[in-house]
Amino acid sequence: MSAPEPVVCTRCGRARSADDDPATALAWVSTRERGALRWLCPDCARQHVRDIEGKLPDEYW
C-alpha cells in the first residue's frame, strides 16, 4: 500500500503539515473538478469563498 499524497494548496502551494492545529487542519477545502482532487488552504479558501459557493470554475478566480 502506498503512502497518501501530500495535501498541497493548488492556489498558493502551501502544504498541510502534521503540526497544524486541529482547527486549521479541518479548514482545508477539497474540490473535485474534472475528476481531479484539488485542495485549498484555509487562507485561499477564505479569500475565494464567494467563488467556491457560486461554483465558478477556477479559471475565473
PDB file of N, CA and C in Angstrom:
ATOM      1  N   MET A   1       0.841  -1.178   0.000  1.00  0.00           N
ATOM      2  CA  MET A   1       0.000   0.000   0.000  1.00  0.00           C
ATOM      3  C   MET A   1       0.887   1.242   0.000  1.00  0.00           C
ATOM      4  N   SER A   2       0.584   2.188  -0.868  1.00  0.00           N
ATOM      5  CA  SER A   2       1.414   3.389  -0.973  1.00  0.00           C
ATOM      6  C   SER A   2       0.957   4.449   0.030  1.00  0.00           C
ATOM      7  N   ALA A   3       1.865   5.345   0.331  1.00  0.00           N
ATOM      8  CA  ALA A   3       1.558   6.441   1.257  1.00  0.00           C
ATOM      9  C   ALA A   3       0.622   7.432   0.572  1.00  0.00           C
ATOM     10  N   PRO A   4      -0.270   8.074   1.329  1.00  0.00           N
ATOM     11  CA  PRO A   4      -1.162   9.058   0.717  1.00  0.00           C
ATOM     12  C   PRO A   4      -0.373  10.253   0.187  1.00  0.00           C
ATOM     13  N   GLU A   5      -0.906  10.847  -0.870  1.00  0.00           N
ATOM     14  CA  GLU A   5      -0.253  12.023  -1.445  1.00  0.00           C
ATOM     15  C   GLU A   5      -0.327  13.180  -0.457  1.00  0.00           C
ATOM     16  N   PRO A   6       0.694  14.024  -0.415  1.00  0.00           N
ATOM     17  CA  PRO A   6       0.637  15.179   0.483  1.00  0.00           C
ATOM     18  C   PRO A   6      -0.444  16.153   0.019  1.00  0.00           C
ATOM     19  N   VAL A   7      -1.041  16.837   0.951  1.00  0.00           N
ATOM     20  CA  VAL A   7      -2.073  17.829   0.647  1.00  0.00           C
ATOM     21  C   VAL A   7      -1.390  19.164   0.437  1.00  0.00           C
ATOM     22  N   VAL A   8      -1.552  19.722  -0.780  1.00  0.00           N
ATOM     23  CA  VAL A   8      -0.914  20.984  -1.149  1.00  0.00           C
ATOM     24  C   VAL A   8      -1.971  21.887  -1.780  1.00  0.00           C
ATOM     25  N   CYS A   9      -1.992  23.151  -1.393  1.00  0.00           N
ATOM     26  CA  CYS A   9      -2.933  24.119  -1.939  1.00  0.00           C
ATOM     27  C   CYS A   9      -2.636  24.356  -3.419  1.00  0.00           C
ATOM     28  N   THR A  10      -3.666  24.251  -4.252  1.00  0.00           N
ATOM     29  CA  THR A  10      -3.469  24.450  -5.692  1.00  0.00           C
ATOM     30  C   THR A  10      -3.323  25.925  -6.064  1.00  0.00           C
ATOM     31  N   ARG A  11      -3.682  26.832  -5.162  1.00  0.00           N
ATOM     32  CA  ARG A  11      -3.571  28.260  -5.451  1.00  0.00           C
ATOM     33  C   ARG A  11      -2.214  28.830  -5.034  1.00  0.00           C
ATOM     34  N   CYS A  12      -1.759  28.532  -3.803  1.00  0.00           N
ATOM     35  CA  CYS A  12      -0.538  29.175  -3.302  1.00  0.00           C
ATOM     36  C   CYS A  12       0.620  28.203  -3.080  1.00  0.00           C
ATOM     37  N   GLY A  13       0.356  26.904  -3.109  1.00  0.00           N
ATOM     38  CA  GLY A  13       1.422  25.925  -2.947  1.00  0.00           C
ATOM     39  C   GLY A  13       1.735  25.537  -1.515  1.00  0.00           C
ATOM     40  N   ARG A  14       0.997  26.076  -0.554  1.00  0.00           N
ATOM     41  CA  ARG A  14       1.221  25.745   0.859  1.00  0.00           C
ATOM     42  C   ARG A  14       0.892  24.270   1.100  1.00  0.00           C
ATOM     43  N   ALA A  15       1.717  23.590   1.864  1.00  0.00           N
ATOM     44  CA  ALA A  15       1.487  22.181   2.181  1.00  0.00           C
ATOM     45  C   ALA A  15       0.882  22.057   3.578  1.00  0.00           C
ATOM     46  N   ARG A  16      -0.074  21.145   3.724  1.00  0.00           N
ATOM     47  CA  ARG A  16      -0.647  20.882   5.045  1.00  0.00           C
ATOM     48  C   ARG A  16       0.383  20.130   5.870  1.00  0.00           C
ATOM     49  N   SER A  17       0.534  20.545   7.106  1.00  0.00           N
ATOM     50  CA  SER A  17       1.541  19.979   7.982  1.00  0.00           C
ATOM     51  C   SER A  17       0.888  19.156   9.079  1.00  0.00           C
ATOM     52  N   ALA A  18       1.569  18.117   9.513  1.00  0.00           N
ATOM     53  CA  ALA A  18       1.089  17.311  10.635  1.00  0.00           C
ATOM     54  C   ALA A  18       1.124  18.121  11.921  1.00  0.00           C
ATOM     55  N   ASP A  19       1.887  19.213  11.936  1.00  0.00           N
ATOM     56  CA  ASP A  19       1.993  20.069  13.118  1.00  0.00           C
ATOM     57  C   ASP A  19       0.872  21.098  13.212  1.00  0.00           C
ATOM     58  N   ASP A  20       0.028  21.209  12.163  1.00  0.00           N
ATOM     59  CA  ASP A  20      -1.081  22.164  12.194  1.00  0.00           C
ATOM     60  C   ASP A  20      -2.024  21.816  13.336  1.00  0.00           C
ATOM     61  N   ASP A  21      -2.602  22.861  13.947  1.00  0.00           N
ATOM     62  CA  ASP A  21      -3.575  22.585  14.996  1.00  0.00           C
ATOM     63  C   ASP A  21      -4.836  21.996  14.351  1.00  0.00           C
ATOM     64  N   PRO A  22      -5.650  21.275  15.096  1.00  0.00           N
ATOM     65  CA  PRO A  22      -6.815  20.586  14.521  1.00  0.00           C
ATOM     66  C   PRO A  22      -7.788  21.512  13.796  1.00  0.00           C
ATOM     67  N   ALA A  23      -8.001  22.718  14.310  1.00  0.00           N
ATOM     68  CA  ALA A  23      -8.928  23.644  13.656  1.00  0.00           C
ATOM     69  C   ALA A  23      -8.412  24.044  12.277  1.00  0.00           C
ATOM     70  N   THR A  24      -7.116  24.269  12.151  1.00  0.00           N
ATOM     71  CA  THR A  24      -6.529  24.618  10.857  1.00  0.00           C
ATOM     72  C   THR A  24      -6.599  23.434   9.906  1.00  0.00           C
ATOM     73  N   ALA A  25      -6.327  22.247  10.401  1.00  0.00           N
ATOM     74  CA  ALA A  25      -6.381  21.053   9.555  1.00  0.00           C
ATOM     75  C   ALA A  25      -7.790  20.828   9.008  1.00  0.00           C
ATOM     76  N   LEU A  26      -8.807  21.132   9.803  1.00  0.00           N
ATOM     77  CA  LEU A  26     -10.191  20.961   9.345  1.00  0.00           C
ATOM     78  C   LEU A  26     -10.645  22.048   8.379  1.00  0.00           C
ATOM     79  N   ALA A  27      -9.938  23.164   8.320  1.00  0.00           N
ATOM     80  CA  ALA A  27     -10.337  24.285   7.478  1.00  0.00           C
ATOM     81  C   ALA A  27      -9.907  24.129   6.024  1.00  0.00           C
ATOM     82  N   TRP A  28      -9.109  23.107   5.704  1.00  0.00           N
ATOM     83  CA  TRP A  28      -8.723  22.864   4.316  1.00  0.00           C
ATOM     84  C   TRP A  28      -9.952  22.450   3.518  1.00  0.00           C
ATOM     85  N   VAL A  29     -10.036  22.906   2.272  1.00  0.00           N
ATOM     86  CA  VAL A  29     -11.193  22.637   1.416  1.00  0.00           C
ATOM     87  C   VAL A  29     -10.755  21.753   0.256  1.00  0.00           C
ATOM     88  N   SER A  30     -11.512  20.688   0.015  1.00  0.00           N
ATOM     89  CA  SER A  30     -11.217  19.830  -1.142  1.00  0.00           C
ATOM     90  C   SER A  30     -12.316  20.004  -2.178  1.00  0.00           C
ATOM     91  N   THR A  31     -11.922  19.998  -3.441  1.00  0.00           N
ATOM     92  CA  THR A  31     -12.869  20.052  -4.547  1.00  0.00           C
ATOM     93  C   THR A  31     -12.473  18.998  -5.558  1.00  0.00           C
ATOM     94  N   ARG A  32     -13.446  18.524  -6.274  1.00  0.00           N
ATOM     95  CA  ARG A  32     -13.172  17.567  -7.336  1.00  0.00           C
ATOM     96  C   ARG A  32     -13.658  18.205  -8.634  1.00  0.00           C
ATOM     97  N   GLU A  33     -12.705  18.504  -9.500  1.00  0.00           N
ATOM     98  CA  GLU A  33     -13.024  19.152 -10.768  1.00  0.00           C
ATOM     99  C   GLU A  33     -12.398  18.368 -11.908  1.00  0.00           C
ATOM    100  N   ARG A  34     -13.228  17.990 -12.841  1.00  0.00           N
ATOM    101  CA  ARG A  34     -12.789  17.183 -13.987  1.00  0.00           C
ATOM    102  C   ARG A  34     -12.080  15.910 -13.528  1.00  0.00           C
ATOM    103  N   GLY A  35     -12.569  15.322 -12.423  1.00  0.00           N
ATOM    104  CA  GLY A  35     -12.030  14.073 -11.925  1.00  0.00           C
ATOM    105  C   GLY A  35     -10.771  14.199 -11.087  1.00  0.00           C
ATOM    106  N   ALA A  36     -10.249  15.404 -10.931  1.00  0.00           N
ATOM    107  CA  ALA A  36      -9.022  15.603 -10.151  1.00  0.00           C
ATOM    108  C   ALA A  36      -9.365  16.192  -8.789  1.00  0.00           C
ATOM    109  N   LEU A  37      -8.741  15.663  -7.748  1.00  0.00           N
ATOM    110  CA  LEU A  37      -8.919  16.179  -6.405  1.00  0.00           C
ATOM    111  C   LEU A  37      -7.982  17.359  -6.210  1.00  0.00           C
ATOM    112  N   ARG A  38      -8.546  18.491  -5.789  1.00  0.00           N
ATOM    113  CA  ARG A  38      -7.752  19.703  -5.592  1.00  0.00           C
ATOM    114  C   ARG A  38      -7.995  20.213  -4.181  1.00  0.00           C
ATOM    115  N   TRP A  39      -6.999  20.843  -3.586  1.00  0.00           N
ATOM    116  CA  TRP A  39      -7.071  21.341  -2.220  1.00  0.00           C
ATOM    117  C   TRP A  39      -6.841  22.840  -2.172  1.00  0.00           C
ATOM    118  N   LEU A  40      -7.517  23.512  -1.228  1.00  0.00           N
ATOM    119  CA  LEU A  40      -7.286  24.925  -0.941  1.00  0.00           C
ATOM    120  C   LEU A  40      -6.973  25.064   0.537  1.00  0.00           C
ATOM    121  N   CYS A  41      -5.929  25.819   0.852  1.00  0.00           N
ATOM    122  CA  CYS A  41      -5.584  26.082   2.243  1.00  0.00           C
ATOM    123  C   CYS A  41      -6.643  27.013   2.842  1.00  0.00           C
ATOM    124  N   PRO A  42      -6.687  27.132   4.145  1.00  0.00           N
ATOM    125  CA  PRO A  42      -7.694  27.994   4.769  1.00  0.00           C
ATOM    126  C   PRO A  42      -7.644  29.448   4.290  1.00  0.00           C
ATOM    127  N   ASP A  43      -6.453  29.989   4.069  1.00  0.00           N
ATOM    128  CA  ASP A  43      -6.339  31.383   3.615  1.00  0.00           C
ATOM    129  C   ASP A  43      -6.914  31.569   2.215  1.00  0.00           C
ATOM    130  N   CYS A  44      -6.577  30.670   1.285  1.00  0.00           N
ATOM    131  CA  CYS A  44      -7.095  30.770  -0.083  1.00  0.00           C
ATOM    132  C   CYS A  44      -8.590  30.486  -0.118  1.00  0.00           C
ATOM    133  N   ALA A  45      -9.050  29.547   0.697  1.00  0.00           N
ATOM    134  CA  ALA A  45     -10.479  29.245   0.756  1.00  0.00           C
ATOM    135  C   ALA A  45     -11.253  30.460   1.253  1.00  0.00           C
ATOM    136  N   ARG A  46     -10.728  31.141   2.271  1.00  0.00           N
ATOM    137  CA  ARG A  46     -11.380  32.331   2.806  1.00  0.00           C
ATOM    138  C   ARG A  46     -11.413  33.438   1.754  1.00  0.00           C
ATOM    139  N   GLN A  47     -10.325  33.588   1.022  1.00  0.00           N
ATOM    140  CA  GLN A  47     -10.224  34.638   0.002  1.00  0.00           C
ATOM    141  C   GLN A  47     -11.200  34.385  -1.154  1.00  0.00           C
ATOM    142  N   HIS A  48     -11.470  33.118  -1.469  1.00  0.00           N
ATOM    143  CA  HIS A  48     -12.285  32.775  -2.641  1.00  0.00           C
ATOM    144  C   HIS A  48     -13.615  32.127  -2.282  1.00  0.00           C
ATOM    145  N   VAL A  49     -14.109  32.356  -1.069  1.00  0.00           N
ATOM    146  CA  VAL A  49     -15.330  31.689  -0.621  1.00  0.00           C
ATOM    147  C   VAL A  49     -16.523  32.004  -1.530  1.00  0.00           C
ATOM    148  N   ARG A  50     -16.649  33.211  -2.009  1.00  0.00           N
ATOM    149  CA  ARG A  50     -17.775  33.558  -2.898  1.00  0.00           C
ATOM    150  C   ARG A  50     -17.673  32.809  -4.218  1.00  0.00           C
ATOM    151  N   ASP A  51     -16.478  32.661  -4.748  1.00  0.00           N
ATOM    152  CA  ASP A  51     -16.283  31.931  -5.993  1.00  0.00           C
ATOM    153  C   ASP A  51     -16.604  30.453  -5.794  1.00  0.00           C
ATOM    154  N   ILE A  52     -16.203  29.902  -4.652  1.00  0.00           N
ATOM    155  CA  ILE A  52     -16.443  28.493  -4.357  1.00  0.00           C
ATOM    156  C   ILE A  52     -17.946  28.241  -4.231  1.00  0.00           C
ATOM    157  N   GLU A  53     -18.629  29.065  -3.431  1.00  0.00           N
ATOM    158  CA  GLU A  53     -20.058  28.870  -3.233  1.00  0.00           C
ATOM    159  C   GLU A  53     -20.847  29.138  -4.499  1.00  0.00           C
ATOM    160  N   GLY A  54     -20.354  30.008  -5.364  1.00  0.00           N
ATOM    161  CA  GLY A  54     -21.005  30.260  -6.649  1.00  0.00           C
ATOM    162  C   GLY A  54     -20.670  29.209  -7.685  1.00  0.00           C
ATOM    163  N   LYS A  55     -19.805  28.241  -7.310  1.00  0.00           N
ATOM    164  CA  LYS A  55     -19.372  27.147  -8.174  1.00  0.00           C
ATOM    165  C   LYS A  55     -18.741  27.649  -9.469  1.00  0.00           C
ATOM    166  N   LEU A  56     -18.024  28.773  -9.375  1.00  0.00           N
ATOM    167  CA  LEU A  56     -17.316  29.282 -10.533  1.00  0.00           C
ATOM    168  C   LEU A  56     -16.097  28.412 -10.811  1.00  0.00           C
ATOM    169  N   PRO A  57     -15.793  28.142 -12.074  1.00  0.00           N
ATOM    170  CA  PRO A  57     -14.573  27.393 -12.394  1.00  0.00           C
ATOM    171  C   PRO A  57     -13.339  28.178 -11.925  1.00  0.00           C
ATOM    172  N   ASP A  58     -12.281  27.452 -11.611  1.00  0.00           N
ATOM    173  CA  ASP A  58     -11.044  28.065 -11.112  1.00  0.00           C
ATOM    174  C   ASP A  58     -10.490  29.138 -12.046  1.00  0.00           C
ATOM    175  N   GLU A  59     -10.728  29.012 -13.338  1.00  0.00           N
ATOM    176  CA  GLU A  59     -10.178  29.987 -14.286  1.00  0.00           C
ATOM    177  C   GLU A  59     -10.678  31.402 -14.019  1.00  0.00           C
ATOM    178  N   TYR A  60     -11.858  31.553 -13.380  1.00  0.00           N
ATOM    179  CA  TYR A  60     -12.427  32.868 -13.126  1.00  0.00           C
ATOM    180  C   TYR A  60     -11.899  33.507 -11.858  1.00  0.00           C
ATOM    181  N   TRP A  61     -11.176  32.774 -11.019  1.00  0.00           N
ATOM    182  CA  TRP A  61     -10.674  33.318  -9.778  1.00  0.00           C
ATOM    183  C   TRP A  61      -9.479  34.176 -10.092  1.00  0.00           C
TER     184      TRP A  61
END
